[in-house]
């Protein structure tokens, strides 16, 4: 139970960092942790997250596994999703 509590607290801290608006956050973000935390908070699997936000699942899986870093454009997009997930989901759904 303690491990789950620590994971939840870490997720909140990481999300707050991403929502801060500080441009330096993009350069220092631990994307594997941040992406997993974001999906966990949204209650989405990798597949559901990728479908909702129109992302390639292979790339998201590789980022979460720590195999690759997102390019600057994807980093910016993930930060926007973190700040306004419902808005981005609505925009993606309206473009389907």
Foldseek 3Di string as FASTA:
>chain_A
DVVVVVLLVVLVVLLCLLQVPDPCCLVVRLQLSNLVSQCVVVVHDLVRVCVLQVHDSVVSVCSNVVNDDDDPVVSVVVSVCSNPVVVSSVVSVVVD
